Amino acid sequence: KVVFSSTTSTVDWNTRLVTGDAVTEI
């Protein structure tokens, strides 16, 4: 999983956090 958020600081359960531009990363 990938979570896109500028306010979430931690994720778990096979997940990566993206805080930058979602369209660019997608």
PDB file of all heavy atoms in Angstrom:
ATOM      1  N   LYS A   1       0.834  -1.198   0.000  1.00  0.00           N
ATOM      2  CA  LYS A   1       0.000   0.000   0.000  1.00  0.00           C
ATOM      3  C   LYS A   1       0.872   1.253   0.000  1.00  0.00           C
ATOM      4  O   LYS A   1       1.964   1.251   0.547  1.00  0.00           O
ATOM      5  CB  LYS A   1      -0.907   0.011   1.242  1.00  0.00           C
ATOM      6  CG  LYS A   1      -1.901  -1.140   1.285  1.00  0.00           C
ATOM      7  CD  LYS A   1      -2.614  -1.258   2.610  1.00  0.00           C
ATOM      8  CE  LYS A   1      -1.833  -1.907   3.711  1.00  0.00           C
ATOM      9  NZ  LYS A   1      -1.445  -3.293   3.541  1.00  0.00           N
ATOM     10  N   VAL A   2       0.326   2.307  -0.611  1.00  0.00           N
ATOM     11  CA  VAL A   2       0.935   3.627  -0.543  1.00  0.00           C
ATOM     12  C   VAL A   2      -0.145   4.579  -0.043  1.00  0.00           C
ATOM     13  O   VAL A   2      -1.264   4.581  -0.556  1.00  0.00           O
ATOM     14  CB  VAL A   2       1.450   4.110  -1.922  1.00  0.00           C
ATOM     15  CG1 VAL A   2       1.975   5.538  -1.837  1.00  0.00           C
ATOM     16  CG2 VAL A   2       2.534   3.181  -2.445  1.00  0.00           C
ATOM     17  N   VAL A   3       0.176   5.364   0.972  1.00  0.00           N
ATOM     18  CA  VAL A   3      -0.740   6.371   1.498  1.00  0.00           C
ATOM     19  C   VAL A   3      -0.209   7.741   1.107  1.00  0.00           C
ATOM     20  O   VAL A   3       0.975   8.044   1.316  1.00  0.00           O
ATOM     21  CB  VAL A   3      -0.869   6.266   3.033  1.00  0.00           C
ATOM     22  CG1 VAL A   3      -1.694   7.419   3.584  1.00  0.00           C
ATOM     23  CG2 VAL A   3      -1.482   4.934   3.416  1.00  0.00           C
ATOM     24  N   PHE A   4      -1.094   8.545   0.526  1.00  0.00           N
ATOM     25  CA  PHE A   4      -0.753   9.907   0.133  1.00  0.00           C
ATOM     26  C   PHE A   4      -1.360  10.857   1.153  1.00  0.00           C
ATOM     27  O   PHE A   4      -2.580  10.942   1.288  1.00  0.00           O
ATOM     28  CB  PHE A   4      -1.314  10.210  -1.263  1.00  0.00           C
ATOM     29  CG  PHE A   4      -0.668   9.398  -2.341  1.00  0.00           C
ATOM     30  CD1 PHE A   4      -1.106   8.112  -2.624  1.00  0.00           C
ATOM     31  CD2 PHE A   4       0.395   9.915  -3.075  1.00  0.00           C
ATOM     32  CE1 PHE A   4      -0.509   7.356  -3.616  1.00  0.00           C
ATOM     33  CE2 PHE A   4       1.003   9.164  -4.064  1.00  0.00           C
ATOM     34  CZ  PHE A   4       0.548   7.880  -4.328  1.00  0.00           C
ATOM     35  N   SER A   5      -0.498  11.553   1.897  1.00  0.00           N
ATOM     36  CA  SER A   5      -0.978  12.463   2.928  1.00  0.00           C
ATOM     37  C   SER A   5       0.114  13.447   3.316  1.00  0.00           C
ATOM     38  O   SER A   5       1.283  13.074   3.421  1.00  0.00           O
ATOM     39  CB  SER A   5      -1.412  11.679   4.166  1.00  0.00           C
ATOM     40  OG  SER A   5      -1.770  12.558   5.215  1.00  0.00           O
ATOM     41  N   SER A   6      -0.293  14.675   3.543  1.00  0.00           N
ATOM     42  CA  SER A   6       0.656  15.668   4.054  1.00  0.00           C
ATOM     43  C   SER A   6       0.506  15.827   5.563  1.00  0.00           C
ATOM     44  O   SER A   6       1.280  16.552   6.182  1.00  0.00           O
ATOM     45  CB  SER A   6       0.430  17.013   3.356  1.00  0.00           C
ATOM     46  OG  SER A   6      -0.897  17.462   3.593  1.00  0.00           O
ATOM     47  N   THR A   7      -0.474  15.145   6.176  1.00  0.00           N
ATOM     48  CA  THR A   7      -0.694  15.282   7.618  1.00  0.00           C
ATOM     49  C   THR A   7      -0.416  14.000   8.398  1.00  0.00           C
ATOM     50  O   THR A   7      -0.201  14.051   9.600  1.00  0.00           O
ATOM     51  CB  THR A   7      -2.138  15.740   7.908  1.00  0.00           C
ATOM     52  OG1 THR A   7      -3.046  14.799   7.346  1.00  0.00           O
ATOM     53  CG2 THR A   7      -2.396  17.124   7.329  1.00  0.00           C
ATOM     54  N   THR A   8      -0.430  12.854   7.742  1.00  0.00           N
ATOM     55  CA  THR A   8      -0.127  11.588   8.411  1.00  0.00           C
ATOM     56  C   THR A   8       1.385  11.474   8.559  1.00  0.00           C
ATOM     57  O   THR A   8       2.130  11.808   7.643  1.00  0.00           O
ATOM     58  CB  THR A   8      -0.659  10.402   7.575  1.00  0.00           C
ATOM     59  OG1 THR A   8      -2.071  10.563   7.426  1.00  0.00           O
ATOM     60  CG2 THR A   8      -0.358   9.076   8.222  1.00  0.00           C
ATOM     61  N   SER A   9       1.832  10.995   9.722  1.00  0.00           N
ATOM     62  CA  SER A   9       3.282  10.915   9.934  1.00  0.00           C
ATOM     63  C   SER A   9       3.813   9.484   9.917  1.00  0.00           C
ATOM     64  O   SER A   9       4.993   9.276   9.633  1.00  0.00           O
ATOM     65  CB  SER A   9       3.670  11.609  11.244  1.00  0.00           C
ATOM     66  OG  SER A   9       2.982  11.018  12.326  1.00  0.00           O
ATOM     67  N   THR A  10       2.990   8.508  10.234  1.00  0.00           N
ATOM     68  CA  THR A  10       3.462   7.133  10.233  1.00  0.00           C
ATOM     69  C   THR A  10       2.402   6.215   9.620  1.00  0.00           C
ATOM     70  O   THR A  10       1.203   6.468   9.741  1.00  0.00           O
ATOM     71  CB  THR A  10       3.768   6.620  11.666  1.00  0.00           C
ATOM     72  OG1 THR A  10       2.589   6.700  12.444  1.00  0.00           O
ATOM     73  CG2 THR A  10       4.877   7.425  12.309  1.00  0.00           C
ATOM     74  N   VAL A  11       2.882   5.172   8.981  1.00  0.00           N
ATOM     75  CA  VAL A  11       2.006   4.136   8.425  1.00  0.00           C
ATOM     76  C   VAL A  11       2.633   2.789   8.744  1.00  0.00           C
ATOM     77  O   VAL A  11       3.813   2.703   9.066  1.00  0.00           O
ATOM     78  CB  VAL A  11       1.804   4.305   6.893  1.00  0.00           C
ATOM     79  CG1 VAL A  11       1.031   5.578   6.582  1.00  0.00           C
ATOM     80  CG2 VAL A  11       3.128   4.286   6.148  1.00  0.00           C
ATOM     81  N   ASP A  12       1.833   1.744   8.653  1.00  0.00           N
ATOM     82  CA  ASP A  12       2.314   0.406   8.974  1.00  0.00           C
ATOM     83  C   ASP A  12       1.611  -0.587   8.064  1.00  0.00           C
ATOM     84  O   ASP A  12       0.878  -0.190   7.165  1.00  0.00           O
ATOM     85  CB  ASP A  12       1.997   0.094  10.452  1.00  0.00           C
ATOM     86  CG  ASP A  12       2.938  -0.935  11.049  1.00  0.00           C
ATOM     87  OD1 ASP A  12       3.644  -1.624  10.285  1.00  0.00           O
ATOM     88  OD2 ASP A  12       2.962  -1.072  12.282  1.00  0.00           O
ATOM     89  N   TRP A  13       1.836  -1.866   8.265  1.00  0.00           N
ATOM     90  CA  TRP A  13       1.164  -2.939   7.549  1.00  0.00           C
ATOM     91  C   TRP A  13       1.484  -2.919   6.062  1.00  0.00           C
ATOM     92  O   TRP A  13       0.604  -2.811   5.222  1.00  0.00           O
ATOM     93  CB  TRP A  13      -0.347  -2.920   7.800  1.00  0.00           C
ATOM     94  CG  TRP A  13      -0.660  -2.890   9.256  1.00  0.00           C
ATOM     95  CD1 TRP A  13      -0.469  -3.912  10.139  1.00  0.00           C
ATOM     96  CD2 TRP A  13      -1.147  -1.782  10.000  1.00  0.00           C
ATOM     97  NE1 TRP A  13      -0.813  -3.492  11.404  1.00  0.00           N
ATOM     98  CE2 TRP A  13      -1.232  -2.183  11.342  1.00  0.00           C
ATOM     99  CE3 TRP A  13      -1.506  -0.475   9.669  1.00  0.00           C
ATOM    100  CZ2 TRP A  13      -1.674  -1.336  12.341  1.00  0.00           C
ATOM    101  CZ3 TRP A  13      -1.944   0.358  10.664  1.00  0.00           C
ATOM    102  CH2 TRP A  13      -2.023  -0.078  11.978  1.00  0.00           C
ATOM    103  N   ASN A  14       2.788  -3.021   5.749  1.00  0.00           N
ATOM    104  CA  ASN A  14       3.231  -3.123   4.356  1.00  0.00           C
ATOM    105  C   ASN A  14       2.865  -1.871   3.559  1.00  0.00           C
ATOM    106  O   ASN A  14       2.379  -1.959   2.436  1.00  0.00           O
ATOM    107  CB  ASN A  14       2.663  -4.391   3.701  1.00  0.00           C
ATOM    108  CG  ASN A  14       3.458  -4.837   2.504  1.00  0.00           C
ATOM    109  OD1 ASN A  14       4.610  -4.451   2.318  1.00  0.00           O
ATOM    110  ND2 ASN A  14       2.847  -5.641   1.664  1.00  0.00           N
ATOM    111  N   THR A  15       3.071  -0.718   4.180  1.00  0.00           N
ATOM    112  CA  THR A  15       2.631   0.563   3.620  1.00  0.00           C
ATOM    113  C   THR A  15       3.778   1.562   3.585  1.00  0.00           C
ATOM    114  O   THR A  15       4.613   1.594   4.477  1.00  0.00           O
ATOM    115  CB  THR A  15       1.473   1.136   4.466  1.00  0.00           C
ATOM    116  OG1 THR A  15       0.457   0.145   4.570  1.00  0.00           O
ATOM    117  CG2 THR A  15       0.899   2.401   3.870  1.00  0.00           C
ATOM    118  N   ARG A  16       3.768   2.376   2.519  1.00  0.00           N
ATOM    119  CA  ARG A  16       4.732   3.459   2.363  1.00  0.00           C
ATOM    120  C   ARG A  16       3.968   4.773   2.325  1.00  0.00           C
ATOM    121  O   ARG A  16       2.883   4.856   1.742  1.00  0.00           O
ATOM    122  CB  ARG A  16       5.502   3.245   1.056  1.00  0.00           C
ATOM    123  CG  ARG A  16       6.530   4.298   0.726  1.00  0.00           C
ATOM    124  CD  ARG A  16       7.373   3.897  -0.485  1.00  0.00           C
ATOM    125  NE  ARG A  16       6.628   3.775  -1.726  1.00  0.00           N
ATOM    126  CZ  ARG A  16       6.426   4.775  -2.587  1.00  0.00           C
ATOM    127  NH1 ARG A  16       6.885   5.985  -2.332  1.00  0.00           N
ATOM    128  NH2 ARG A  16       5.753   4.565  -3.704  1.00  0.00           N
ATOM    129  N   LEU A  17       4.513   5.814   2.930  1.00  0.00           N
ATOM    130  CA  LEU A  17       3.897   7.137   2.981  1.00  0.00           C
ATOM    131  C   LEU A  17       4.519   8.045   1.935  1.00  0.00           C
ATOM    132  O   LEU A  17       5.746   8.104   1.805  1.00  0.00           O
ATOM    133  CB  LEU A  17       4.078   7.744   4.374  1.00  0.00           C
ATOM    134  CG  LEU A  17       3.530   9.154   4.595  1.00  0.00           C
ATOM    135  CD1 LEU A  17       2.008   9.168   4.450  1.00  0.00           C
ATOM    136  CD2 LEU A  17       3.949   9.661   5.971  1.00  0.00           C
ATOM    137  N   VAL A  18       3.664   8.747   1.173  1.00  0.00           N
ATOM    138  CA  VAL A  18       4.114   9.748   0.209  1.00  0.00           C
ATOM    139  C   VAL A  18       3.514  11.084   0.628  1.00  0.00           C
ATOM    140  O   VAL A  18       2.286  11.200   0.756  1.00  0.00           O
ATOM    141  CB  VAL A  18       3.690   9.390  -1.238  1.00  0.00           C
ATOM    142  CG1 VAL A  18       4.004  10.532  -2.196  1.00  0.00           C
ATOM    143  CG2 VAL A  18       4.362   8.112  -1.689  1.00  0.00           C
ATOM    144  N   THR A  19       4.368  12.068   0.847  1.00  0.00           N
ATOM    145  CA  THR A  19       3.893  13.386   1.260  1.00  0.00           C
ATOM    146  C   THR A  19       3.974  14.406   0.123  1.00  0.00           C
ATOM    147  O   THR A  19       3.447  15.498   0.251  1.00  0.00           O
ATOM    148  CB  THR A  19       4.711  13.916   2.457  1.00  0.00           C
ATOM    149  OG1 THR A  19       6.097  13.963   2.089  1.00  0.00           O
ATOM    150  CG2 THR A  19       4.539  13.013   3.671  1.00  0.00           C
ATOM    151  N   GLY A  20       4.606  14.039  -0.990  1.00  0.00           N
ATOM    152  CA  GLY A  20       4.757  14.958  -2.119  1.00  0.00           C
ATOM    153  C   GLY A  20       3.570  14.911  -3.060  1.00  0.00           C
ATOM    154  O   GLY A  20       2.482  14.434  -2.716  1.00  0.00           O
ATOM    155  N   ASP A  21       3.777  15.378  -4.270  1.00  0.00           N
ATOM    156  CA  ASP A  21       2.728  15.479  -5.274  1.00  0.00           C
ATOM    157  C   ASP A  21       2.214  14.098  -5.679  1.00  0.00           C
ATOM    158  O   ASP A  21       2.965  13.262  -6.192  1.00  0.00           O
ATOM    159  CB  ASP A  21       3.251  16.233  -6.499  1.00  0.00           C
ATOM    160  CG  ASP A  21       2.181  16.380  -7.552  1.00  0.00           C
ATOM    161  OD1 ASP A  21       1.189  17.080  -7.281  1.00  0.00           O
ATOM    162  OD2 ASP A  21       2.326  15.772  -8.632  1.00  0.00           O
ATOM    163  N   ALA A  22       0.925  13.869  -5.462  1.00  0.00           N
ATOM    164  CA  ALA A  22       0.332  12.552  -5.736  1.00  0.00           C
ATOM    165  C   ALA A  22       0.344  12.218  -7.217  1.00  0.00           C
ATOM    166  O   ALA A  22       0.659  11.091  -7.598  1.00  0.00           O
ATOM    167  CB  ALA A  22      -1.093  12.512  -5.188  1.00  0.00           C
ATOM    168  N   VAL A  23       0.000  13.160  -8.069  1.00  0.00           N
ATOM    169  CA  VAL A  23      -0.072  12.888  -9.514  1.00  0.00           C
ATOM    170  C   VAL A  23       1.296  12.482 -10.049  1.00  0.00           C
ATOM    171  O   VAL A  23       1.412  11.529 -10.828  1.00  0.00           O
ATOM    172  CB  VAL A  23      -0.667  14.085 -10.274  1.00  0.00           C
ATOM    173  CG1 VAL A  23      -0.501  13.930 -11.786  1.00  0.00           C
ATOM    174  CG2 VAL A  23      -2.139  14.266  -9.917  1.00  0.00           C
ATOM    175  N   THR A  24       2.329  13.152  -9.612  1.00  0.00           N
ATOM    176  CA  THR A  24       3.687  12.812 -10.044  1.00  0.00           C
ATOM    177  C   THR A  24       4.047  11.388  -9.618  1.00  0.00           C
ATOM    178  O   THR A  24       4.574  10.603 -10.406  1.00  0.00           O
ATOM    179  CB  THR A  24       4.709  13.813  -9.464  1.00  0.00           C
ATOM    180  OG1 THR A  24       4.372  15.126  -9.927  1.00  0.00           O
ATOM    181  CG2 THR A  24       6.126  13.476  -9.864  1.00  0.00           C
ATOM    182  N   GLU A  25       3.747  11.036  -8.374  1.00  0.00           N
ATOM    183  CA  GLU A  25       4.083   9.698  -7.869  1.00  0.00           C
ATOM    184  C   GLU A  25       3.235   8.618  -8.541  1.00  0.00           C
ATOM    185  O   GLU A  25       3.745   7.551  -8.889  1.00  0.00           O
ATOM    186  CB  GLU A  25       3.923   9.636  -6.351  1.00  0.00           C
ATOM    187  CG  GLU A  25       4.249   8.300  -5.738  1.00  0.00           C
ATOM    188  CD  GLU A  25       5.696   7.837  -5.912  1.00  0.00           C
ATOM    189  OE1 GLU A  25       6.558   8.610  -6.388  1.00  0.00           O
ATOM    190  OE2 GLU A  25       5.972   6.666  -5.574  1.00  0.00           O
ATOM    191  N   ILE A  26       1.944   8.875  -8.735  1.00  0.00           N
ATOM    192  CA  ILE A  26       1.089   7.888  -9.398  1.00  0.00           C
ATOM    193  C   ILE A  26       1.552   7.666 -10.834  1.00  0.00           C
ATOM    194  O   ILE A  26       1.593   6.531 -11.313  1.00  0.00           O
ATOM    195  CB  ILE A  26      -0.389   8.306  -9.337  1.00  0.00           C
ATOM    196  CG1 ILE A  26      -0.875   8.299  -7.879  1.00  0.00           C
ATOM    197  CG2 ILE A  26      -1.255   7.385 -10.194  1.00  0.00           C
ATOM    198  CD1 ILE A  26      -2.218   8.976  -7.662  1.00  0.00           C
TER     199      ILE A  26
END
